[in-house]
Every structure is written in structure tokens, then in C-alpha cells.
Amino acid sequence: MSARVDALVAGYRREVVHRRLLTWSGRLMSLFLAGLYIYLLMVLGRDDPFYITLNLVAFVNGLSGFAIALYYEVPGVVRALHSPDPALADDAWAAVERLRPVLMPRLLVDLNLPPDERPVLAQTLDRAGVVRLTQARARDRWRTIGPIYFAGYTVALAAYLWLVYSWAPETVR
């Protein structure tokens, strides 16, 4: 196998790890926000209306799961099948064939294909079928939007958490 096929396979494996890490970090952030909300309201007894905004941040955090799912919906190795460079597309297909047992089931779930068709398609889907199934989603803008969203969300979340930490509620007597 060529070095490019090995690089495509390694790239897919990195994508799987990154997807898992981002998904779990989103879940852990949701639990942290819920715990922080309970701590501030019940343990410290703070009832300032500002702390209600934690619910909004948790809601946006939950919506970030959609951004993660859409970003990783079509893996890079499958996107390479749509390349105008025929050598890259051939190497991508060799990588897809090597990764078929792990790649196809996840890809078919992400493409929302019926569960009863997935096992057969995972075994029998050819190159033209994969290209046809992923054509519309491989050209979407999530590969551009995803990193921008993640950077903006991270900065905004850090600023918000600093604001919560430094917030001194007004005492009404």
C-alpha cells in the first residue's frame, strides 16, 4: 500500500478519536454546568437572576453536539473520494476498503439509512454507491464552520465562566 493510503487511514483513526473526545467533553461540560447551577443555587443560596443564564449556556452547549455530529458526519477519507485528483480518489477507496468493517457501519448511521439495510450495504456498497450517498453532504460547509464555531464557543464559554466566577450578586435589604 502507498504512504498516502496509510495517511488516510491514520487520518480517519484520528477523526474517530477527536469525535469521541469532543462528544464526551460536551457531555462532561453539560454535567459541570448542571452541577455549578445546583451548587450556586442550593449550596451557596445565590438567587440572583444572572445565574439563570447558566441554563442558556447549557442549552447552547447541548446544541454544540449538533455541530460536532455534522462536522464528522462524512469522514475525511470519504470526502477524498470526491477529489478531482483521480490518484487521491483511488487511494481513498483503498483506505475505505481497508477500513470497511469500522467505517461503513458508522457512516451509514450518520447518513440516516434504515437500520435493516445497513448490514447489507456495509458489505456490498461499491465506490460509486459511496460517492452517490455522500455527494451532497461531502460538499457542505461544516468543515469550515466547525473550527470557527469551536473557537468562538470556547472563547465565549471561558469568558462566561470567568464572569460567573467573578460575579458579585447585589444584596437587597
Protein backbone atom coordinates (compact mmCIF):
# COMPACT_ATOMS: atom_id res chain seq x y z
CA MET A 1 0.00 0.00 0.00
CA SER A 2 1.09 3.54 -0.61
CA ALA A 3 2.03 6.06 2.01
CA ARG A 4 -0.99 8.17 1.12
CA VAL A 5 -3.35 5.27 1.91
CA ASP A 6 -1.64 4.84 5.27
CA ALA A 7 -2.01 8.58 5.89
CA LEU A 8 -5.72 8.46 5.02
CA VAL A 9 -6.25 5.51 7.37
CA ALA A 10 -4.35 7.28 10.15
CA GLY A 11 -6.38 10.44 9.49
CA TYR A 12 -9.63 8.51 9.87
CA ARG A 13 -8.47 7.00 13.14
CA ARG A 14 -7.57 10.49 14.43
CA GLU A 15 -11.02 11.73 13.41
CA VAL A 16 -12.65 8.93 15.39
CA VAL A 17 -10.62 9.83 18.48
CA HIS A 18 -11.35 13.56 18.09
CA ARG A 19 -15.06 12.91 17.61
CA ARG A 20 -15.18 10.79 20.74
CA LEU A 21 -13.21 13.37 22.76
CA LEU A 22 -15.38 16.27 21.64
CA THR A 23 -18.58 14.35 22.28
CA TRP A 24 -17.51 13.36 25.78
CA SER A 25 -16.17 16.80 26.59
CA GLY A 26 -19.56 18.26 25.62
CA ARG A 27 -21.32 15.79 27.90
CA LEU A 28 -18.95 16.50 30.76
CA MET A 29 -19.39 20.25 30.27
CA SER A 30 -23.15 19.76 30.48
CA LEU A 31 -22.76 17.87 33.76
CA PHE A 32 -20.40 20.55 35.05
CA LEU A 33 -22.88 23.31 34.20
CA ALA A 34 -25.70 21.41 35.92
CA GLY A 35 -23.51 20.86 38.98
CA LEU A 36 -22.46 24.50 39.03
CA TYR A 37 -26.10 25.59 38.80
CA ILE A 38 -27.09 23.34 41.70
CA TYR A 39 -24.07 24.45 43.74
CA LEU A 40 -24.76 28.15 43.23
CA LEU A 41 -28.49 27.96 43.90
CA MET A 42 -28.76 25.28 46.56
CA VAL A 43 -25.44 25.20 48.37
CA LEU A 44 -24.48 28.87 48.29
CA GLY A 45 -28.08 30.09 48.23
CA ARG A 46 -27.48 32.63 45.50
CA ASP A 47 -30.70 33.57 43.77
CA ASP A 48 -29.55 36.38 41.52
CA PRO A 49 -31.35 36.28 38.14
CA PHE A 50 -27.94 36.34 36.43
CA TYR A 51 -27.39 32.71 37.36
CA ILE A 52 -30.40 31.69 35.31
CA THR A 53 -28.21 32.34 32.25
CA LEU A 54 -26.40 29.12 33.12
CA ASN A 55 -29.40 27.34 31.62
CA LEU A 56 -28.92 29.22 28.36
CA VAL A 57 -25.24 28.32 28.27
CA ALA A 58 -26.13 24.68 28.92
CA PHE A 59 -28.64 24.85 26.05
CA VAL A 60 -26.00 26.24 23.66
CA ASN A 61 -23.59 23.58 24.90
CA GLY A 62 -26.14 20.91 24.03
CA LEU A 63 -26.58 22.38 20.57
CA SER A 64 -22.84 22.10 20.09
CA GLY A 65 -23.38 18.36 19.82
CA PHE A 66 -25.11 19.00 16.50
CA ALA A 67 -22.08 20.94 15.25
CA ILE A 68 -19.83 18.04 16.25
CA ALA A 69 -22.10 15.49 14.56
CA LEU A 70 -22.34 17.50 11.35
CA TYR A 71 -18.60 18.18 11.27
CA TYR A 72 -17.75 14.48 11.50
CA GLU A 73 -20.73 13.21 9.50
CA VAL A 74 -18.66 12.38 6.41
CA PRO A 75 -15.10 11.37 7.32
CA GLY A 76 -12.15 12.91 5.51
CA VAL A 77 -11.27 9.62 3.83
CA VAL A 78 -14.74 9.51 2.25
CA ARG A 79 -14.53 13.19 1.30
CA ALA A 80 -11.31 12.34 -0.53
CA LEU A 81 -13.36 10.07 -2.82
CA HIS A 82 -14.88 13.26 -4.24
CA SER A 83 -11.47 14.73 -5.08
CA PRO A 84 -10.87 15.84 -8.66
CA ASP A 85 -7.44 14.16 -8.40
CA PRO A 86 -8.04 10.56 -9.57
CA ALA A 87 -4.93 9.24 -7.78
CA LEU A 88 -6.17 10.64 -4.45
CA ALA A 89 -9.64 9.21 -5.05
CA ASP A 90 -8.12 5.78 -5.83
CA ASP A 91 -6.02 5.90 -2.67
CA ALA A 92 -9.07 6.99 -0.68
CA TRP A 93 -11.02 4.00 -1.98
CA ALA A 94 -8.15 1.68 -0.98
CA ALA A 95 -8.28 3.23 2.50
CA VAL A 96 -12.08 2.83 2.63
CA GLU A 97 -11.72 -0.82 1.69
CA ARG A 98 -9.15 -1.31 4.44
CA LEU A 99 -11.40 0.46 6.97
CA ARG A 100 -14.70 -1.02 5.73
CA PRO A 101 -15.58 -3.00 8.90
CA VAL A 102 -15.28 0.06 11.14
CA LEU A 103 -16.00 2.89 8.71
CA MET A 104 -19.13 1.73 6.91
CA PRO A 105 -21.40 1.00 9.90
CA ARG A 106 -20.72 4.44 11.41
CA LEU A 107 -21.05 6.19 8.05
CA LEU A 108 -24.38 4.52 7.30
CA VAL A 109 -25.73 5.51 10.72
CA ASP A 110 -24.57 9.10 10.20
CA LEU A 111 -26.28 9.16 6.79
CA ASN A 112 -29.57 8.05 8.44
CA LEU A 113 -30.04 4.97 6.32
CA PRO A 114 -32.69 2.49 7.51
CA PRO A 115 -31.32 0.06 10.13
CA ASP A 116 -32.45 -3.03 8.24
CA GLU A 117 -30.45 -2.01 5.13
CA ARG A 118 -27.21 -1.11 6.91
CA PRO A 119 -25.63 -4.59 7.30
CA VAL A 120 -26.09 -5.44 3.63
CA LEU A 121 -24.91 -2.04 2.45
CA ALA A 122 -21.87 -2.12 4.75
CA GLN A 123 -20.70 -5.29 2.99
CA THR A 124 -21.76 -4.64 -0.60
CA LEU A 125 -21.57 -0.89 -1.20
CA ASP A 126 -19.18 -0.10 -4.03
CA ARG A 127 -17.23 3.06 -4.78
CA ALA A 128 -19.92 4.63 -6.95
CA GLY A 129 -22.53 3.93 -4.27
CA VAL A 130 -20.47 5.56 -1.53
CA VAL A 131 -19.84 8.60 -3.73
CA ARG A 132 -23.54 8.84 -4.60
CA LEU A 133 -24.65 8.51 -0.95
CA THR A 134 -22.21 11.10 0.34
CA GLN A 135 -22.21 13.53 -2.57
CA ALA A 136 -24.45 16.21 -1.05
CA ARG A 137 -23.04 16.00 2.46
CA ALA A 138 -19.39 15.83 1.40
CA ARG A 139 -19.65 19.31 -0.10
CA ASP A 140 -21.29 21.02 2.87
CA ARG A 141 -19.64 23.85 4.76
CA TRP A 142 -19.30 22.15 8.16
CA ARG A 143 -15.58 21.50 7.67
CA THR A 144 -15.21 25.30 7.52
CA ILE A 145 -17.88 26.22 10.05
CA GLY A 146 -16.85 23.63 12.68
CA PRO A 147 -13.45 25.03 13.70
CA ILE A 148 -14.75 28.61 13.65
CA TYR A 149 -17.71 27.63 15.83
CA PHE A 150 -15.50 25.65 18.21
CA ALA A 151 -13.03 28.54 18.62
CA GLY A 152 -15.81 31.09 19.17
CA TYR A 153 -17.67 28.81 21.55
CA THR A 154 -14.53 28.07 23.59
CA VAL A 155 -13.67 31.76 23.96
CA ALA A 156 -17.28 32.69 24.81
CA LEU A 157 -17.58 29.85 27.34
CA ALA A 158 -14.31 30.76 29.03
CA ALA A 159 -15.39 34.41 29.25
CA TYR A 160 -18.79 33.44 30.62
CA LEU A 161 -17.32 31.11 33.25
CA TRP A 162 -14.93 33.88 34.31
CA LEU A 163 -17.92 36.22 34.57
CA VAL A 164 -19.80 33.70 36.74
CA TYR A 165 -16.72 33.26 38.94
CA SER A 166 -16.23 36.99 39.41
CA TRP A 167 -19.92 37.90 39.70
CA ALA A 168 -20.85 39.51 43.00
CA PRO A 169 -24.61 39.49 43.39
CA GLU A 170 -26.18 42.65 44.69
CA THR A 171 -27.51 42.36 48.22
CA VAL A 172 -31.03 43.71 48.63
CA ARG A 173 -32.06 44.65 52.17
